[in-house]
């Protein structure tokens, strides 16, 4: 009887392949156990930087002024102008669009370029509803955007994995890092390099676009990400990019990638 260590009476010695597989799995487990911990995600939503009273306003749908636009959006969702279909006529309840807002900007095949959610709603009205598109950043369009965005609240921001978007996203990142205007400042200089500091009395946030369209106390109204970007451009004394343009969609693509995995807060509240 074989009395070598590790062998039991009546049991054949393990095959060479089994020994190799066991050794490989043991080494892999050892390496996993010794692997460095995953890098901590240090990204912060603008919500985290707000005072307690403003946070409470966003948490309470009954008290959030942004929900007034959502209510208007629900009415517009079901309304149908003469000789055209309503949004509900095609999509049913708004909840059918859960997760949609988390995936914008996205590619539009007829235009052969990326579009943001507001442009998509306008294109949908024009192509399928036989109604004229609404002007950008206006009450009606913002209301529909807020309603659609609300359906994705809590969902992770998930930019489309679409190769056609890659050059546009790269262009958006270049614009984000480009110094512009008479003050020669870039988005990155404020929201990457100086995030957490102050511009006068105002805290500089990391600038993650997690809640648009959102209600800004400064505006006393709901506004789009395009409005915020244009405000920043005029603030550094640069020519603002046009609403609905390809360049605006590119500028919105990079923040979406930058905030990937963060939760949608639409419609958020900000100071």
Protein backbone atom coordinates (compact mmCIF):
# COMPACT_ATOMS: atom_id res chain seq x y z
CA UNK A 1 0.00 0.00 0.00
CA UNK A 2 1.29 3.45 -0.95
CA UNK A 3 1.91 5.48 2.23
CA UNK A 4 3.24 8.65 0.56
CA UNK A 5 1.98 11.86 2.21
CA UNK A 6 -1.30 13.17 0.83
CA UNK A 7 -2.52 9.82 -0.50
CA UNK A 8 -5.29 7.77 1.03
CA UNK A 9 -5.44 4.01 0.92
CA UNK A 10 -7.26 2.82 -2.17
CA UNK A 11 -7.16 6.24 -3.87
CA UNK A 12 -5.15 6.84 -7.03
CA UNK A 13 -2.65 9.71 -7.07
CA UNK A 14 -4.00 12.91 -8.72
CA UNK A 15 -3.31 13.37 -12.38
CA UNK A 16 -0.69 15.91 -13.41
CA UNK A 17 -3.37 18.12 -15.01
CA UNK A 18 -5.37 18.21 -11.77
CA UNK A 19 -2.31 19.27 -9.81
CA UNK A 20 -1.61 22.08 -12.27
CA UNK A 21 -5.20 23.30 -12.17
CA UNK A 22 -5.21 23.26 -8.37
CA UNK A 23 -1.92 25.16 -8.25
CA UNK A 24 -3.19 27.73 -10.76
CA UNK A 25 -6.43 28.33 -8.82
CA UNK A 26 -4.50 28.60 -5.53
CA UNK A 27 -2.09 31.17 -7.01
CA UNK A 28 -5.00 33.16 -8.51
CA UNK A 29 -6.76 33.25 -5.13
CA UNK A 30 -3.54 34.38 -3.47
CA UNK A 31 -3.07 37.17 -6.00
CA UNK A 32 -6.67 38.32 -5.58
CA UNK A 33 -6.21 38.40 -1.85
CA UNK A 34 -3.10 40.54 -2.21
CA UNK A 35 -4.51 42.83 -4.92
CA UNK A 36 -4.65 46.54 -4.17
CA UNK A 37 -8.14 47.79 -3.19
CA UNK A 38 -10.19 49.50 -5.88
CA UNK A 39 -9.68 53.24 -6.15
CA UNK A 40 -12.28 55.17 -4.17
CA UNK A 41 -14.79 57.13 -6.20
CA UNK A 42 -14.32 60.72 -5.05
CA UNK A 43 -16.94 62.22 -7.34
CA UNK A 44 -19.57 64.33 -5.61
CA UNK A 45 -22.93 65.47 -6.89
CA UNK A 46 -23.84 69.11 -6.53
CA UNK A 47 -26.46 67.86 -4.08
CA UNK A 48 -23.66 66.91 -1.65
CA UNK A 49 -22.34 70.48 -1.67
CA UNK A 50 -25.67 72.19 -0.88
CA UNK A 51 -27.00 73.41 2.43
CA UNK A 52 -29.47 71.28 4.39
CA UNK A 53 -32.49 73.41 3.48
CA UNK A 54 -31.82 73.15 -0.27
CA UNK A 55 -31.21 69.42 0.02
CA UNK A 56 -34.54 69.09 1.83
CA UNK A 57 -36.23 70.99 -1.02
CA UNK A 58 -34.92 68.49 -3.57
CA UNK A 59 -35.85 65.48 -1.44
CA UNK A 60 -39.45 66.61 -0.99
CA UNK A 61 -41.36 66.32 -4.26
CA UNK A 62 -44.35 68.01 -2.66
CA UNK A 63 -42.23 71.08 -1.86
CA UNK A 64 -39.83 71.13 -4.79
CA UNK A 65 -40.59 73.95 -7.26
CA UNK A 66 -39.14 71.77 -10.04
CA UNK A 67 -42.20 69.52 -9.78
CA UNK A 68 -44.40 72.32 -11.12
CA UNK A 69 -42.72 71.79 -14.49
CA UNK A 70 -43.21 68.04 -14.20
CA UNK A 71 -46.93 68.60 -13.68
CA UNK A 72 -47.05 70.75 -16.81
CA UNK A 73 -45.10 68.06 -18.64
CA UNK A 74 -47.74 65.47 -17.71
CA UNK A 75 -50.43 67.66 -19.27
CA UNK A 76 -48.38 68.18 -22.43
CA UNK A 77 -47.63 64.45 -22.57
CA UNK A 78 -51.32 63.69 -22.98
CA UNK A 79 -52.32 66.72 -25.05
CA UNK A 80 -52.49 66.44 -28.82
CA UNK A 81 -52.61 69.51 -31.07
CA UNK A 82 -55.05 69.38 -33.98
CA UNK A 83 -54.23 66.68 -36.56
CA UNK A 84 -51.35 65.22 -34.54
CA UNK A 85 -50.69 62.54 -31.94
CA UNK A 86 -49.79 63.06 -28.31
CA UNK A 87 -46.71 61.59 -26.63
CA UNK A 88 -49.06 59.23 -24.78
CA UNK A 89 -50.53 58.10 -28.09
CA UNK A 90 -47.17 56.52 -29.01
CA UNK A 91 -45.50 55.75 -25.68
CA UNK A 92 -48.37 55.21 -23.28
CA UNK A 93 -47.52 56.19 -19.73
CA UNK A 94 -44.35 58.25 -19.06
CA UNK A 95 -43.02 55.34 -16.98
CA UNK A 96 -42.49 53.46 -20.25
CA UNK A 97 -39.44 55.69 -20.75
CA UNK A 98 -37.71 54.61 -17.55
CA UNK A 99 -33.94 54.73 -18.08
CA UNK A 100 -34.10 56.70 -21.34
CA UNK A 101 -32.84 60.01 -19.97
CA UNK A 102 -29.82 58.24 -18.42
CA UNK A 103 -28.60 57.37 -21.93
CA UNK A 104 -28.51 60.84 -23.50
CA UNK A 105 -26.96 62.47 -25.50
CA UNK A 106 -27.32 59.71 -28.10
CA UNK A 107 -26.83 59.22 -31.83
CA UNK A 108 -29.48 60.37 -34.29
CA UNK A 109 -29.21 58.46 -37.54
CA UNK A 110 -31.07 60.89 -39.87
CA UNK A 111 -28.97 63.83 -38.62
CA UNK A 112 -25.78 61.72 -38.44
CA UNK A 113 -24.76 63.34 -35.17
CA UNK A 114 -25.43 63.19 -31.42
CA UNK A 115 -28.46 64.93 -29.95
CA UNK A 116 -29.43 65.68 -26.36
CA UNK A 117 -32.76 64.74 -24.81
CA UNK A 118 -34.42 68.08 -25.57
CA UNK A 119 -33.50 67.81 -29.25
CA UNK A 120 -34.74 64.21 -29.30
CA UNK A 121 -38.13 65.27 -27.93
CA UNK A 122 -38.36 67.99 -30.56
CA UNK A 123 -37.38 65.56 -33.33
CA UNK A 124 -39.94 63.06 -32.09
CA UNK A 125 -42.68 65.69 -32.19
CA UNK A 126 -41.65 66.78 -35.66
CA UNK A 127 -41.16 63.32 -37.19
CA UNK A 128 -43.96 61.37 -35.54
CA UNK A 129 -46.40 63.83 -34.07
CA UNK A 130 -46.86 66.10 -37.07
CA UNK A 131 -46.34 69.11 -34.79
CA UNK A 132 -43.77 71.87 -34.95
CA UNK A 133 -40.78 71.51 -32.59
CA UNK A 134 -40.66 73.86 -29.63
CA UNK A 135 -37.85 76.40 -29.18
CA UNK A 136 -34.97 75.21 -26.94
CA UNK A 137 -34.99 75.95 -23.22
CA UNK A 138 -38.64 77.04 -23.23
CA UNK A 139 -41.25 76.12 -20.62
CA UNK A 140 -43.02 73.42 -22.64
CA UNK A 141 -39.91 71.60 -23.78
CA UNK A 142 -38.27 71.82 -20.34
CA UNK A 143 -41.46 70.44 -18.80
CA UNK A 144 -41.40 67.40 -21.08
CA UNK A 145 -37.67 66.92 -20.44
CA UNK A 146 -38.27 67.06 -16.68
CA UNK A 147 -41.10 64.53 -16.94
CA UNK A 148 -39.02 62.12 -19.01
CA UNK A 149 -35.97 62.67 -16.79
CA UNK A 150 -37.99 61.94 -13.65
CA UNK A 151 -38.67 58.42 -14.94
CA UNK A 152 -34.92 57.71 -14.72
CA UNK A 153 -34.41 59.16 -11.23
CA UNK A 154 -32.08 56.90 -9.26
CA UNK A 155 -30.87 55.11 -12.38
CA UNK A 156 -27.11 55.19 -13.11
CA UNK A 157 -26.01 57.53 -15.87
CA UNK A 158 -25.14 55.19 -18.74
CA UNK A 159 -23.79 56.87 -21.90
CA UNK A 160 -24.38 54.69 -24.98
CA UNK A 161 -21.55 52.38 -25.99
CA UNK A 162 -21.73 53.60 -29.58
CA UNK A 163 -18.54 53.94 -31.61
CA UNK A 164 -20.14 56.70 -33.69
CA UNK A 165 -20.17 58.90 -30.57
CA UNK A 166 -16.45 58.50 -29.80
CA UNK A 167 -15.09 61.35 -31.95
CA UNK A 168 -17.86 63.65 -30.72
CA UNK A 169 -17.14 62.75 -27.09
CA UNK A 170 -13.44 63.42 -27.69
CA UNK A 171 -14.35 66.78 -29.19
CA UNK A 172 -16.52 67.50 -26.14
CA UNK A 173 -13.62 66.72 -23.81
CA UNK A 174 -11.34 69.01 -25.84
CA UNK A 175 -13.91 71.81 -25.50
CA UNK A 176 -14.18 71.09 -21.77
CA UNK A 177 -10.42 71.58 -21.39
CA UNK A 178 -10.02 74.49 -23.83
CA UNK A 179 -9.43 77.95 -22.39
CA UNK A 180 -11.97 80.35 -23.80
CA UNK A 181 -13.12 83.94 -23.57
CA UNK A 182 -11.37 87.07 -22.47
CA UNK A 183 -10.67 85.45 -19.08
CA UNK A 184 -9.06 82.42 -20.80
CA UNK A 185 -10.63 79.87 -18.47
CA UNK A 186 -11.72 76.31 -19.17
CA UNK A 187 -14.38 74.13 -17.56
CA UNK A 188 -11.61 71.84 -16.25
CA UNK A 189 -9.81 74.67 -14.46
CA UNK A 190 -12.86 75.30 -12.29
CA UNK A 191 -14.54 71.91 -11.93
CA UNK A 192 -11.46 69.67 -11.86
CA UNK A 193 -8.56 71.76 -10.56
CA UNK A 194 -10.43 74.10 -8.20
CA UNK A 195 -13.47 72.04 -7.20
CA UNK A 196 -14.19 72.54 -3.52
CA UNK A 197 -12.72 76.04 -3.53
CA UNK A 198 -14.67 79.25 -3.79
CA UNK A 199 -15.43 81.79 -6.46
CA UNK A 200 -16.29 84.79 -4.34
CA UNK A 201 -18.80 83.46 -1.82
CA UNK A 202 -19.93 80.54 -4.03
CA UNK A 203 -18.55 77.04 -3.63
CA UNK A 204 -17.07 75.59 -6.84
CA UNK A 205 -18.70 72.17 -7.42
CA UNK A 206 -17.24 69.30 -9.40
CA UNK A 207 -19.84 70.10 -12.03
CA UNK A 208 -21.42 66.69 -12.65
CA UNK A 209 -24.54 66.97 -14.80
CA UNK A 210 -26.72 64.59 -12.78
CA UNK A 211 -29.96 66.54 -12.41
CA UNK A 212 -30.81 68.51 -15.57
CA UNK A 213 -33.17 70.03 -16.29
CA UNK A 214 -33.06 71.45 -12.77
CA UNK A 215 -34.52 74.28 -10.74
CA UNK A 216 -31.88 76.85 -9.82
CA UNK A 217 -32.71 79.27 -7.04
CA UNK A 218 -30.57 81.86 -8.80
CA UNK A 219 -32.81 81.60 -11.88
CA UNK A 220 -36.10 81.10 -10.02
CA UNK A 221 -36.91 78.73 -12.86
CA UNK A 222 -36.14 75.38 -14.42
CA UNK A 223 -33.22 75.36 -16.84
CA UNK A 224 -31.32 72.98 -19.10
CA UNK A 225 -27.67 71.94 -19.04
CA UNK A 226 -27.30 74.04 -22.18
CA UNK A 227 -28.39 77.11 -20.24
CA UNK A 228 -25.82 76.39 -17.53
CA UNK A 229 -23.05 75.92 -20.10
CA UNK A 230 -23.99 79.12 -21.89
CA UNK A 231 -24.01 80.99 -18.56
CA UNK A 232 -20.47 79.82 -17.90
CA UNK A 233 -19.38 80.88 -21.37
CA UNK A 234 -20.74 84.37 -21.01
CA UNK A 235 -19.25 84.48 -17.51
CA UNK A 236 -15.75 84.09 -18.95
CA UNK A 237 -16.69 86.53 -21.74
CA UNK A 238 -16.81 83.97 -24.54
CA UNK A 239 -19.31 83.56 -27.37
CA UNK A 240 -21.90 81.01 -26.16
CA UNK A 241 -22.61 77.90 -28.20
CA UNK A 242 -26.06 77.75 -29.82
CA UNK A 243 -28.81 75.66 -28.26
CA UNK A 244 -29.46 72.41 -30.12
CA UNK A 245 -26.23 72.64 -32.13
CA UNK A 246 -23.82 69.79 -32.77
CA UNK A 247 -21.21 71.56 -30.65
CA UNK A 248 -23.65 71.79 -27.73
CA UNK A 249 -24.36 68.05 -27.97
CA UNK A 250 -20.61 67.38 -27.98
CA UNK A 251 -20.19 69.55 -24.89
CA UNK A 252 -22.91 67.52 -23.16
CA UNK A 253 -21.46 64.15 -24.20
CA UNK A 254 -18.30 64.52 -22.16
CA UNK A 255 -20.03 65.44 -18.86
CA UNK A 256 -22.27 62.39 -19.35
CA UNK A 257 -19.20 60.17 -19.64
CA UNK A 258 -17.58 61.99 -16.71
CA UNK A 259 -20.64 61.26 -14.53
CA UNK A 260 -21.07 57.66 -15.71
CA UNK A 261 -22.52 55.49 -12.95
CA UNK A 262 -23.69 58.41 -10.82
CA UNK A 263 -27.42 58.52 -10.11
CA UNK A 264 -29.86 60.61 -12.14
CA UNK A 265 -31.46 63.26 -9.89
CA UNK A 266 -33.78 64.94 -12.41
CA UNK A 267 -35.37 67.32 -11.74
CA UNK A 268 -32.78 68.47 -9.23
CA UNK A 269 -32.62 71.69 -7.21
CA UNK A 270 -29.50 73.83 -7.02
CA UNK A 271 -28.61 77.19 -5.39
